[in-house]
């Protein structure tokens, strides 16, 4: 049973990360010709395209993809409940789905910020992956830099953002 739990959680959370990444790429107006963007679009299009016929996009927010984030998160908990034979208490499942999606976004943000920070120490010249990470994280780092500018070549905005992410994870209990 532990193996089944692991597989269900892993499959749903990996796909959830990709769908969240699609929402994030669209909101950040990231380069969709980047190989990472192309992968994300290819993996999510079969479910996003039919939803777009029903659910509109408002500004930079693709509501169809946001809805898919919620559906994938909810499907994970419904599947786990069904496998274990637990009753479907929908209000609890809805709450868990929302918290899971928020938690997954925070974890994704944490790792992308950390990877970008580490790559900044080693990257030389232009790299499409580094550019993509910058496009994703800059909307979160720029406001922090306005308050705490880089000092002596050291950018503390990454540290502040990681601390803020960890604090939000505690608040949301994810």
Protein backbone atom coordinates (compact mmCIF):
# COMPACT_ATOMS: atom_id res chain seq x y z
CA UNK A 1 0.00 0.00 0.00
CA UNK A 2 2.90 2.33 0.71
CA UNK A 3 4.18 1.84 -2.84
CA UNK A 4 0.75 2.66 -4.28
CA UNK A 5 0.59 5.85 -2.18
CA UNK A 6 4.05 6.84 -3.33
CA UNK A 7 3.21 6.28 -7.00
CA UNK A 8 -0.13 8.11 -6.84
CA UNK A 9 1.33 11.08 -5.02
CA UNK A 10 4.40 11.25 -7.26
CA UNK A 11 2.48 11.06 -10.54
CA UNK A 12 -0.12 13.63 -9.54
CA UNK A 13 2.41 16.04 -7.99
CA UNK A 14 4.76 15.90 -10.97
CA UNK A 15 1.91 16.73 -13.32
CA UNK A 16 0.64 19.37 -10.89
CA UNK A 17 4.09 21.02 -10.95
CA UNK A 18 4.02 21.11 -14.75
CA UNK A 19 0.54 22.65 -14.82
CA UNK A 20 1.52 25.22 -12.17
CA UNK A 21 4.61 26.00 -14.21
CA UNK A 22 2.41 26.64 -17.24
CA UNK A 23 0.29 29.14 -15.29
CA UNK A 24 3.44 30.77 -13.99
CA UNK A 25 5.09 30.93 -17.45
CA UNK A 26 1.98 32.59 -18.86
CA UNK A 27 1.68 35.06 -15.98
CA UNK A 28 5.37 35.98 -16.28
CA UNK A 29 5.01 36.28 -20.06
CA UNK A 30 8.01 34.00 -20.40
CA UNK A 31 9.58 33.04 -23.71
CA UNK A 32 7.44 30.22 -25.13
CA UNK A 33 10.15 29.24 -27.61
CA UNK A 34 12.36 28.11 -24.75
CA UNK A 35 12.74 24.29 -24.62
CA UNK A 36 11.31 24.17 -21.08
CA UNK A 37 8.26 26.16 -22.17
CA UNK A 38 7.77 23.91 -25.18
CA UNK A 39 7.89 20.83 -22.92
CA UNK A 40 5.35 22.32 -20.49
CA UNK A 41 2.96 23.31 -23.29
CA UNK A 42 3.24 19.91 -24.98
CA UNK A 43 2.51 18.02 -21.76
CA UNK A 44 -0.41 20.20 -20.66
CA UNK A 45 -2.13 21.06 -23.97
CA UNK A 46 -4.27 17.90 -24.17
CA UNK A 47 -6.12 18.97 -21.01
CA UNK A 48 -5.85 22.76 -21.29
CA UNK A 49 -7.16 23.19 -24.85
CA UNK A 50 -10.61 21.65 -24.19
CA UNK A 51 -10.94 23.69 -20.99
CA UNK A 52 -10.14 26.91 -22.86
CA UNK A 53 -13.27 26.46 -24.95
CA UNK A 54 -15.30 26.78 -21.75
CA UNK A 55 -13.18 28.91 -19.39
CA UNK A 56 -11.83 32.29 -20.58
CA UNK A 57 -8.48 33.97 -20.03
CA UNK A 58 -8.55 37.23 -18.07
CA UNK A 59 -5.47 39.40 -18.54
CA UNK A 60 -2.36 37.33 -17.91
CA UNK A 61 -4.34 34.73 -15.95
CA UNK A 62 -5.30 31.66 -17.90
CA UNK A 63 -8.30 30.57 -15.84
CA UNK A 64 -8.58 27.27 -17.71
CA UNK A 65 -5.07 26.29 -16.62
CA UNK A 66 -5.71 27.54 -13.07
CA UNK A 67 -8.82 25.38 -12.99
CA UNK A 68 -6.72 22.44 -14.19
CA UNK A 69 -4.31 23.05 -11.30
CA UNK A 70 -7.22 22.69 -8.90
CA UNK A 71 -8.64 19.63 -10.70
CA UNK A 72 -5.30 17.79 -10.70
CA UNK A 73 -4.79 18.58 -7.04
CA UNK A 74 -8.32 17.44 -6.20
CA UNK A 75 -7.92 14.28 -8.30
CA UNK A 76 -4.89 13.31 -6.23
CA UNK A 77 -6.88 13.35 -3.00
CA UNK A 78 -9.94 11.69 -4.53
CA UNK A 79 -7.72 8.90 -5.88
CA UNK A 80 -5.99 8.44 -2.52
CA UNK A 81 -9.35 8.37 -0.73
CA UNK A 82 -10.71 5.81 -3.18
CA UNK A 83 -7.63 3.58 -2.89
CA UNK A 84 -7.82 3.61 0.90
CA UNK A 85 -11.59 3.29 1.04
CA UNK A 86 -12.06 6.57 2.90
CA UNK A 87 -15.40 8.35 2.47
CA UNK A 88 -15.41 11.38 0.20
CA UNK A 89 -15.90 14.38 2.47
CA UNK A 90 -15.91 16.96 -0.29
CA UNK A 91 -15.28 20.04 1.82
CA UNK A 92 -12.14 18.42 3.24
CA UNK A 93 -11.02 17.29 -0.21
CA UNK A 94 -11.55 20.78 -1.64
CA UNK A 95 -9.57 22.32 1.21
CA UNK A 96 -6.76 19.79 0.78
CA UNK A 97 -6.70 20.41 -2.97
CA UNK A 98 -6.32 24.17 -2.56
CA UNK A 99 -3.66 23.82 0.15
CA UNK A 100 -1.81 21.22 -1.92
CA UNK A 101 -1.75 23.50 -4.97
CA UNK A 102 -0.48 26.43 -2.89
CA UNK A 103 2.13 24.19 -1.28
CA UNK A 104 3.26 22.82 -4.62
CA UNK A 105 3.65 26.35 -6.00
CA UNK A 106 5.69 27.40 -2.97
CA UNK A 107 7.96 24.36 -3.30
CA UNK A 108 8.39 25.01 -7.01
CA UNK A 109 9.20 28.66 -6.34
CA UNK A 110 11.69 27.66 -3.63
CA UNK A 111 13.58 25.27 -5.90
CA UNK A 112 13.57 27.57 -8.92
CA UNK A 113 14.91 30.48 -6.84
CA UNK A 114 17.56 28.23 -5.32
CA UNK A 115 18.60 26.80 -8.70
CA UNK A 116 18.76 30.29 -10.19
CA UNK A 117 20.94 31.49 -7.32
CA UNK A 118 23.30 28.54 -7.69
CA UNK A 119 23.50 28.92 -11.47
CA UNK A 120 24.33 32.61 -11.09
CA UNK A 121 27.62 31.60 -9.47
CA UNK A 122 28.66 29.36 -12.34
CA UNK A 123 26.86 30.47 -15.51
CA UNK A 124 28.94 32.26 -18.10
CA UNK A 125 27.20 34.17 -20.89
CA UNK A 126 23.67 33.59 -22.14
CA UNK A 127 21.92 30.32 -21.44
CA UNK A 128 18.23 29.80 -22.35
CA UNK A 129 17.53 27.93 -19.10
CA UNK A 130 19.09 30.67 -16.97
CA UNK A 131 17.07 33.27 -18.90
CA UNK A 132 13.87 31.30 -18.26
CA UNK A 133 14.61 31.04 -14.54
CA UNK A 134 15.23 34.80 -14.46
CA UNK A 135 11.90 35.47 -16.18
CA UNK A 136 10.10 33.32 -13.62
CA UNK A 137 11.79 34.65 -10.48
CA UNK A 138 12.32 38.31 -11.29
CA UNK A 139 8.72 39.34 -10.46
CA UNK A 140 9.33 38.02 -6.93
CA UNK A 141 12.89 39.29 -6.50
CA UNK A 142 12.56 42.80 -7.99
CA UNK A 143 10.28 44.20 -5.24
CA UNK A 144 12.66 42.87 -2.58
CA UNK A 145 15.63 44.49 -4.38
CA UNK A 146 13.85 47.84 -4.29
CA UNK A 147 13.77 47.58 -0.49
CA UNK A 148 17.14 45.84 0.02
CA UNK A 149 19.50 46.73 -2.83
CA UNK A 150 22.55 44.54 -3.53
CA UNK A 151 25.35 45.37 -1.08
CA UNK A 152 28.94 44.94 -2.11
CA UNK A 153 27.98 42.68 -5.01
CA UNK A 154 25.91 40.44 -2.72
CA UNK A 155 22.23 40.15 -3.60
CA UNK A 156 20.29 39.38 -0.43
CA UNK A 157 16.93 39.34 -2.20
CA UNK A 158 17.22 35.60 -2.84
CA UNK A 159 17.78 34.93 0.87
CA UNK A 160 14.85 37.15 1.85
CA UNK A 161 12.58 35.43 -0.68
CA UNK A 162 13.58 31.96 0.51
CA UNK A 163 12.85 32.98 4.11
CA UNK A 164 9.48 34.40 3.01
CA UNK A 165 8.65 31.18 1.15
CA UNK A 166 9.51 29.11 4.21
CA UNK A 167 7.35 31.39 6.38
CA UNK A 168 4.42 30.99 3.98
CA UNK A 169 4.86 27.22 4.05
CA UNK A 170 4.56 27.35 7.83
CA UNK A 171 1.49 29.60 7.65
CA UNK A 172 -0.22 27.35 5.08
CA UNK A 173 1.09 24.20 6.82
CA UNK A 174 2.44 22.71 3.60
